Structure formats: structure tokens, C-alpha cells
Amino acid sequence: MASSDESSFSSGGASPSPLGGGPAADFSEDEEDLIARMYTLIGQRWTLIAGRIPGRTAEEIEKYWTAKSSSSSD
């Protein structure tokens, strides 16, 4: 029974886990780098950025960026 509980946490991309605590943990270093570079080039065009990262939605990327930028400005 404990293994079924663990599997719900390891499903990663399918669950809306960014609402929890650390959305940065849900993105790989490559994804973070790509988001930063794309943001520098095209700004807040989340749909275009999401189109370059398979399995990610514009909403996920915008939430990640907002959380990252608000935590770094504190």
C-alpha cells in the first residue's frame, strides 16, 4: 500500500504539483535555462516558450517564472 502512495508523488508531469511548494523542482536545469533564454529574447510570450518545451503548458511556465522572479527579488 505504501508503494501506491509513492507512485502518486513520482508521476511528475501529470499532476498539478506546482501549486504545492517548489515549482522550480518540477523543471530540469535544461528547461530552466531554456525558459530564461527565451524570456530574454521574446519576453512574456508564455505560449511560444511552452511550444519549445514538450509536455509543458504556458500556465506552468508562467507560474514557474513568476515564482522564480518574486523569490529572487526579495
C-alpha atoms as a PDB file:
ATOM      1  CA  MET A   1       0.000   0.000   0.000  1.00  0.00           C
ATOM      2  CA  ALA A   2       2.869   2.399   0.655  1.00  0.00           C
ATOM      3  CA  SER A   3       4.124   1.932  -2.900  1.00  0.00           C
ATOM      4  CA  SER A   4       0.890   3.336  -4.345  1.00  0.00           C
ATOM      5  CA  ASP A   5       1.339   6.454  -2.224  1.00  0.00           C
ATOM      6  CA  GLU A   6       4.888   6.870  -3.514  1.00  0.00           C
ATOM      7  CA  SER A   7       3.823   6.452  -7.135  1.00  0.00           C
ATOM      8  CA  SER A   8       1.458   9.413  -6.880  1.00  0.00           C
ATOM      9  CA  PHE A   9       4.414  11.610  -5.978  1.00  0.00           C
ATOM     10  CA  SER A  10       6.733  10.289  -8.678  1.00  0.00           C
ATOM     11  CA  SER A  11       4.345  10.887 -11.588  1.00  0.00           C
ATOM     12  CA  GLY A  12       5.871  14.360 -12.025  1.00  0.00           C
ATOM     13  CA  GLY A  13       4.452  15.864 -15.221  1.00  0.00           C
ATOM     14  CA  ALA A  14       0.865  14.626 -14.945  1.00  0.00           C
ATOM     15  CA  SER A  15      -0.081  16.125 -11.588  1.00  0.00           C
ATOM     16  CA  PRO A  16      -0.583  19.839 -10.875  1.00  0.00           C
ATOM     17  CA  SER A  17       2.199  19.823  -8.267  1.00  0.00           C
ATOM     18  CA  PRO A  18       3.475  23.392  -8.936  1.00  0.00           C
ATOM     19  CA  LEU A  19       0.610  24.598  -6.754  1.00  0.00           C
ATOM     20  CA  GLY A  20       2.356  22.986  -3.789  1.00  0.00           C
ATOM     21  CA  GLY A  21       5.636  24.451  -2.663  1.00  0.00           C
ATOM     22  CA  GLY A  22       8.533  24.479  -5.085  1.00  0.00           C
ATOM     23  CA  PRO A  23       7.741  24.778  -8.773  1.00  0.00           C
ATOM     24  CA  ALA A  24      11.457  25.079  -9.526  1.00  0.00           C
ATOM     25  CA  ALA A  25      11.874  21.433  -8.515  1.00  0.00           C
ATOM     26  CA  ASP A  26       9.487  20.402 -11.286  1.00  0.00           C
ATOM     27  CA  PHE A  27      11.692  21.836 -14.059  1.00  0.00           C
ATOM     28  CA  SER A  28      15.005  20.374 -15.172  1.00  0.00           C
ATOM     29  CA  GLU A  29      18.093  22.569 -15.422  1.00  0.00           C
ATOM     30  CA  ASP A  30      17.822  22.453 -19.216  1.00  0.00           C
ATOM     31  CA  GLU A  31      14.211  23.634 -19.056  1.00  0.00           C
ATOM     32  CA  GLU A  32      15.102  26.437 -16.647  1.00  0.00           C
ATOM     33  CA  ASP A  33      17.937  27.562 -18.915  1.00  0.00           C
ATOM     34  CA  LEU A  34      15.725  27.476 -21.998  1.00  0.00           C
ATOM     35  CA  ILE A  35      12.968  29.437 -20.254  1.00  0.00           C
ATOM     36  CA  ALA A  36      15.454  32.110 -19.154  1.00  0.00           C
ATOM     37  CA  ARG A  37      16.962  32.420 -22.635  1.00  0.00           C
ATOM     38  CA  MET A  38      13.570  32.509 -24.357  1.00  0.00           C
ATOM     39  CA  TYR A  39      12.268  35.085 -21.874  1.00  0.00           C
ATOM     40  CA  THR A  40      15.264  37.300 -22.644  1.00  0.00           C
ATOM     41  CA  LEU A  41      14.578  37.005 -26.373  1.00  0.00           C
ATOM     42  CA  ILE A  42      10.790  37.237 -26.559  1.00  0.00           C
ATOM     43  CA  GLY A  43       9.561  38.360 -23.149  1.00  0.00           C
ATOM     44  CA  GLN A  44       6.336  37.107 -21.595  1.00  0.00           C
ATOM     45  CA  ARG A  45       5.139  35.090 -24.577  1.00  0.00           C
ATOM     46  CA  TRP A  46       4.484  32.019 -22.475  1.00  0.00           C
ATOM     47  CA  THR A  47       2.710  30.114 -25.252  1.00  0.00           C
ATOM     48  CA  LEU A  48       5.716  30.442 -27.562  1.00  0.00           C
ATOM     49  CA  ILE A  49       8.081  29.368 -24.794  1.00  0.00           C
ATOM     50  CA  ALA A  50       5.852  26.400 -23.913  1.00  0.00           C
ATOM     51  CA  GLY A  51       5.893  25.364 -27.567  1.00  0.00           C
ATOM     52  CA  ARG A  52       9.641  24.739 -27.246  1.00  0.00           C
ATOM     53  CA  ILE A  53       9.321  22.542 -24.147  1.00  0.00           C
ATOM     54  CA  PRO A  54       7.403  19.295 -24.742  1.00  0.00           C
ATOM     55  CA  GLY A  55       4.870  18.470 -22.048  1.00  0.00           C
ATOM     56  CA  ARG A  56       4.778  21.966 -20.551  1.00  0.00           C
ATOM     57  CA  THR A  57       1.894  24.412 -20.710  1.00  0.00           C
ATOM     58  CA  ALA A  58       2.115  28.176 -20.915  1.00  0.00           C
ATOM     59  CA  GLU A  59       0.441  28.377 -17.499  1.00  0.00           C
ATOM     60  CA  GLU A  60       3.074  26.112 -15.874  1.00  0.00           C
ATOM     61  CA  ILE A  61       5.898  28.184 -17.318  1.00  0.00           C
ATOM     62  CA  GLU A  62       4.327  31.483 -16.311  1.00  0.00           C
ATOM     63  CA  LYS A  63       3.789  30.215 -12.734  1.00  0.00           C
ATOM     64  CA  TYR A  64       7.396  28.989 -12.603  1.00  0.00           C
ATOM     65  CA  TRP A  65       8.754  32.312 -13.883  1.00  0.00           C
ATOM     66  CA  THR A  66       6.566  34.369 -11.547  1.00  0.00           C
ATOM     67  CA  ALA A  67       7.629  32.298  -8.536  1.00  0.00           C
ATOM     68  CA  LYS A  68      11.284  32.452  -9.553  1.00  0.00           C
ATOM     69  CA  SER A  69      11.321  36.186 -10.173  1.00  0.00           C
ATOM     70  CA  SER A  70       9.408  37.017  -6.988  1.00  0.00           C
ATOM     71  CA  SER A  71      11.729  34.890  -4.837  1.00  0.00           C
ATOM     72  CA  SER A  72      14.873  36.374  -6.384  1.00  0.00           C
ATOM     73  CA  SER A  73      13.697  39.964  -5.867  1.00  0.00           C
ATOM     74  CA  ASP A  74      13.153  39.500  -2.114  1.00  0.00           C
END
